[in-house]
C-alpha atoms as a PDB file:
ATOM      1  CA  MET A   1    -137.004 136.168 279.640  1.00  0.00           C
ATOM      2  CA  ILE A   2    -139.344 139.024 280.547  1.00  0.00           C
ATOM      3  CA  LYS A   3    -139.290 137.787 284.167  1.00  0.00           C
ATOM      4  CA  ALA A   4    -135.543 138.446 284.232  1.00  0.00           C
ATOM      5  CA  ILE A   5    -136.019 142.191 283.778  1.00  0.00           C
ATOM      6  CA  PRO A   6    -135.608 143.914 287.153  1.00  0.00           C
ATOM      7  CA  LEU A   7    -138.657 145.965 288.083  1.00  0.00           C
ATOM      8  CA  THR A   8    -136.467 148.733 289.505  1.00  0.00           C
ATOM      9  CA  VAL A   9    -135.971 149.843 285.919  1.00  0.00           C
ATOM     10  CA  LEU A  10    -139.592 151.099 285.858  1.00  0.00           C
ATOM     11  CA  PRO A  11    -138.972 154.045 288.235  1.00  0.00           C
ATOM     12  CA  LEU A  12    -135.877 154.934 286.176  1.00  0.00           C
ATOM     13  CA  ILE A  13    -137.967 155.042 283.021  1.00  0.00           C
ATOM     14  CA  ALA A  14    -140.695 157.056 284.753  1.00  0.00           C
ATOM     15  CA  TYR A  15    -138.175 159.542 286.158  1.00  0.00           C
ATOM     16  CA  ASN A  16    -136.586 160.056 282.769  1.00  0.00           C
ATOM     17  CA  LEU A  17    -139.896 160.412 280.935  1.00  0.00           C
ATOM     18  CA  ILE A  18    -141.260 162.927 283.427  1.00  0.00           C
ATOM     19  CA  GLY A  19    -138.005 164.637 284.407  1.00  0.00           C
ATOM     20  CA  TYR A  20    -136.711 165.194 280.909  1.00  0.00           C
ATOM     21  CA  GLY A  21    -140.119 165.541 279.288  1.00  0.00           C
ATOM     22  CA  LEU A  22    -141.205 168.484 281.402  1.00  0.00           C
ATOM     23  CA  SER A  23    -139.242 171.681 281.347  1.00  0.00           C
ATOM     24  CA  GLY A  24    -139.399 174.570 283.741  1.00  0.00           C
ATOM     25  CA  ALA A  25    -140.296 174.042 287.381  1.00  0.00           C
ATOM     26  CA  ASP A  26    -139.316 170.986 289.394  1.00  0.00           C
ATOM     27  CA  PRO A  27    -141.947 168.350 288.514  1.00  0.00           C
ATOM     28  CA  TRP A  28    -141.110 166.292 291.609  1.00  0.00           C
ATOM     29  CA  ALA A  29    -142.146 169.059 293.996  1.00  0.00           C
ATOM     30  CA  ALA A  30    -145.559 169.465 292.374  1.00  0.00           C
ATOM     31  CA  GLU A  31    -148.335 168.847 294.882  1.00  0.00           C
ATOM     32  CA  LEU A  32    -150.865 166.371 293.585  1.00  0.00           C
ATOM     33  CA  ALA A  33    -153.088 166.585 296.640  1.00  0.00           C
ATOM     34  CA  VAL A  34    -153.161 167.799 300.218  1.00  0.00           C
ATOM     35  CA  VAL A  35    -154.335 165.147 302.641  1.00  0.00           C
ATOM     36  CA  PRO A  36    -155.861 166.282 305.942  1.00  0.00           C
ATOM     37  CA  MET A  37    -154.455 164.226 308.812  1.00  0.00           C
ATOM     38  CA  PRO A  38    -156.279 163.272 312.020  1.00  0.00           C
ATOM     39  CA  SER A  39    -153.805 165.472 313.927  1.00  0.00           C
ATOM     40  CA  GLY A  40    -155.055 168.492 312.035  1.00  0.00           C
ATOM     41  CA  ALA A  41    -151.890 168.772 309.966  1.00  0.00           C
ATOM     42  CA  ARG A  42    -152.051 168.876 306.178  1.00  0.00           C
ATOM     43  CA  TRP A  43    -149.814 166.458 304.340  1.00  0.00           C
ATOM     44  CA  PRO A  44    -148.854 167.470 300.804  1.00  0.00           C
ATOM     45  CA  LEU A  45    -148.634 164.502 298.458  1.00  0.00           C
ATOM     46  CA  ARG A  46    -146.024 165.225 295.798  1.00  0.00           C
ATOM     47  CA  LEU A  47    -145.192 163.472 292.551  1.00  0.00           C
ATOM     48  CA  GLY A  48    -141.701 162.668 293.841  1.00  0.00           C
ATOM     49  CA  ASP A  49    -143.198 160.991 296.926  1.00  0.00           C
ATOM     50  CA  LEU A  50    -145.351 158.778 294.724  1.00  0.00           C
ATOM     51  CA  LEU A  51    -142.418 157.790 292.526  1.00  0.00           C
ATOM     52  CA  VAL A  52    -140.293 156.847 295.549  1.00  0.00           C
ATOM     53  CA  ALA A  53    -143.199 154.830 297.008  1.00  0.00           C
ATOM     54  CA  PHE A  54    -143.568 153.087 293.635  1.00  0.00           C
ATOM     55  CA  ALA A  55    -139.830 152.282 293.614  1.00  0.00           C
ATOM     56  CA  ILE A  56    -140.061 150.792 297.116  1.00  0.00           C
ATOM     57  CA  ALA A  57    -143.014 148.673 295.996  1.00  0.00           C
ATOM     58  CA  MET A  58    -140.948 147.432 293.027  1.00  0.00           C
ATOM     59  CA  LEU A  59    -138.087 146.615 295.415  1.00  0.00           C
ATOM     60  CA  TYR A  60    -140.488 144.551 297.520  1.00  0.00           C
ATOM     61  CA  VAL A  61    -141.630 142.619 294.455  1.00  0.00           C
ATOM     62  CA  GLU A  62    -138.019 142.060 293.383  1.00  0.00           C
ATOM     63  CA  VAL A  63    -137.014 140.747 296.800  1.00  0.00           C
ATOM     64  CA  THR A  64    -139.936 138.319 296.824  1.00  0.00           C
ATOM     65  CA  ARG A  65    -138.954 137.235 293.315  1.00  0.00           C
ATOM     66  CA  TYR A  66    -135.407 136.562 294.552  1.00  0.00           C
ATOM     67  CA  ALA A  67    -136.757 134.583 297.487  1.00  0.00           C
ATOM     68  CA  ASP A  68    -139.066 132.503 295.279  1.00  0.00           C
ATOM     69  CA  ALA A  69    -136.674 132.030 292.378  1.00  0.00           C
ATOM     70  CA  PRO A  70    -134.734 128.835 291.982  1.00  0.00           C
ATOM     71  CA  GLY A  71    -131.015 129.113 292.604  1.00  0.00           C
ATOM     72  CA  GLY A  72    -130.209 130.255 289.063  1.00  0.00           C
ATOM     73  CA  ALA A  73    -131.670 133.736 288.788  1.00  0.00           C
ATOM     74  CA  ILE A  74    -128.313 134.936 287.495  1.00  0.00           C
ATOM     75  CA  VAL A  75    -129.742 136.871 284.557  1.00  0.00           C
ATOM     76  CA  ASN A  76    -132.017 138.907 286.840  1.00  0.00           C
ATOM     77  CA  ARG A  77    -129.149 139.736 289.193  1.00  0.00           C
ATOM     78  CA  GLY A  78    -126.906 140.716 286.309  1.00  0.00           C
ATOM     79  CA  LEU A  79    -129.560 142.962 284.829  1.00  0.00           C
ATOM     80  CA  ALA A  80    -130.229 144.449 288.286  1.00  0.00           C
ATOM     81  CA  MET A  81    -126.538 145.334 288.473  1.00  0.00           C
ATOM     82  CA  LEU A  82    -126.769 147.015 285.066  1.00  0.00           C
ATOM     83  CA  VAL A  83    -129.846 148.977 286.188  1.00  0.00           C
ATOM     84  CA  ALA A  84    -128.105 150.070 289.401  1.00  0.00           C
ATOM     85  CA  THR A  85    -125.057 151.103 287.368  1.00  0.00           C
ATOM     86  CA  ALA A  86    -127.293 153.141 285.040  1.00  0.00           C
ATOM     87  CA  TYR A  87    -128.798 154.893 288.068  1.00  0.00           C
ATOM     88  CA  VAL A  88    -125.369 155.722 289.512  1.00  0.00           C
ATOM     89  CA  VAL A  89    -123.965 156.947 286.192  1.00  0.00           C
ATOM     90  CA  GLU A  90    -127.009 159.087 285.502  1.00  0.00           C
ATOM     91  CA  PHE A  91    -126.957 160.474 289.045  1.00  0.00           C
ATOM     92  CA  LEU A  92    -123.323 161.503 288.651  1.00  0.00           C
ATOM     93  CA  ALA A  93    -123.464 162.705 285.047  1.00  0.00           C
ATOM     94  CA  ALA A  94    -126.894 164.232 284.338  1.00  0.00           C
ATOM     95  CA  ASP A  95    -128.101 167.581 285.643  1.00  0.00           C
ATOM     96  CA  ALA A  96    -131.727 166.467 285.869  1.00  0.00           C
ATOM     97  CA  ALA A  97    -130.717 163.479 288.014  1.00  0.00           C
ATOM     98  CA  ALA A  98    -129.048 165.635 290.683  1.00  0.00           C
ATOM     99  CA  HIS A  99    -132.225 165.566 292.750  1.00  0.00           C
ATOM    100  CA  PRO A 100    -133.165 163.990 296.104  1.00  0.00           C
ATOM    101  CA  VAL A 101    -135.868 161.884 294.430  1.00  0.00           C
ATOM    102  CA  PHE A 102    -133.353 160.399 291.992  1.00  0.00           C
ATOM    103  CA  PHE A 103    -130.896 159.772 294.824  1.00  0.00           C
ATOM    104  CA  LEU A 104    -133.563 157.737 296.657  1.00  0.00           C
ATOM    105  CA  LEU A 105    -134.361 155.812 293.467  1.00  0.00           C
ATOM    106  CA  THR A 106    -130.647 155.071 293.055  1.00  0.00           C
ATOM    107  CA  THR A 107    -130.505 153.820 296.640  1.00  0.00           C
ATOM    108  CA  VAL A 108    -133.453 151.491 296.005  1.00  0.00           C
ATOM    109  CA  ALA A 109    -131.704 150.048 292.926  1.00  0.00           C
ATOM    110  CA  VAL A 110    -128.471 149.472 294.854  1.00  0.00           C
ATOM    111  CA  PHE A 111    -130.416 147.766 297.675  1.00  0.00           C
ATOM    112  CA  ASP A 112    -132.055 145.558 295.048  1.00  0.00           C
ATOM    113  CA  VAL A 113    -128.624 144.292 294.007  1.00  0.00           C
ATOM    114  CA  ALA A 114    -127.529 143.851 297.622  1.00  0.00           C
ATOM    115  CA  ALA A 115    -130.716 141.934 298.446  1.00  0.00           C
ATOM    116  CA  GLY A 116    -130.163 139.585 295.521  1.00  0.00           C
ATOM    117  CA  PHE A 117    -126.680 138.709 296.717  1.00  0.00           C
ATOM    118  CA  SER A 118    -127.782 138.416 300.354  1.00  0.00           C
ATOM    119  CA  ILE A 119    -130.619 136.053 299.539  1.00  0.00           C
ATOM    120  CA  ARG A 120    -128.343 133.963 297.335  1.00  0.00           C
ATOM    121  CA  ARG A 121    -125.739 133.767 300.100  1.00  0.00           C
ATOM    122  CA  SER A 122    -128.366 132.869 302.685  1.00  0.00           C
ATOM    123  CA  ARG A 123    -129.638 130.004 300.493  1.00  0.00           C
ATOM    124  CA  HIS A 124    -126.120 128.750 300.038  1.00  0.00           C
ATOM    125  CA  ASP A 125    -125.503 128.794 303.804  1.00  0.00           C
ATOM    126  CA  ARG A 126    -128.786 126.979 304.519  1.00  0.00           C
ATOM    127  CA  ALA A 127    -128.005 124.319 301.931  1.00  0.00           C
ATOM    128  CA  ALA A 128    -124.576 123.788 303.457  1.00  0.00           C
ATOM    129  CA  GLU A 129    -126.143 123.291 306.899  1.00  0.00           C
ATOM    130  CA  GLU A 130    -128.772 120.852 305.608  1.00  0.00           C
ATOM    131  CA  TYR A 131    -126.365 118.796 303.523  1.00  0.00           C
ATOM    132  CA  PRO A 132    -122.901 119.037 305.059  1.00  0.00           C
ATOM    133  CA  HIS A 133    -120.070 117.577 303.052  1.00  0.00           C
ATOM    134  CA  GLU A 134    -118.758 114.414 304.532  1.00  0.00           C
ATOM    135  CA  THR A 135    -115.038 114.228 304.968  1.00  0.00           C
ATOM    136  CA  PRO A 136    -113.286 110.855 304.567  1.00  0.00           C
END
């Protein structure tokens, strides 16, 4: 059952713990490090950047889970839809979620749902090609 939980919920939890737990300045703009680039430029690594990168990594894991899962990963897809709905509702209703970082996290969650349906559809189409129904 634990495998059915969509991993895109982890960035949502992290955003809420950090975003609502810290008051004052924007925690997502906080520079964690400045990385010198070979071009001579200095790239600031921010907390928001790390959270978005983490969300993309979770999306990758989810997509590979969809691809490897047997045809009946319905519970995972249903929970992914609930997670995406939670992102959208929070984005629209909560002041702390009206932030570019949260918008990107919401987009990742919506793409997770879309990927699940796309992979399911693709499997269905492949199965239909491999085993066409015979007509009398």
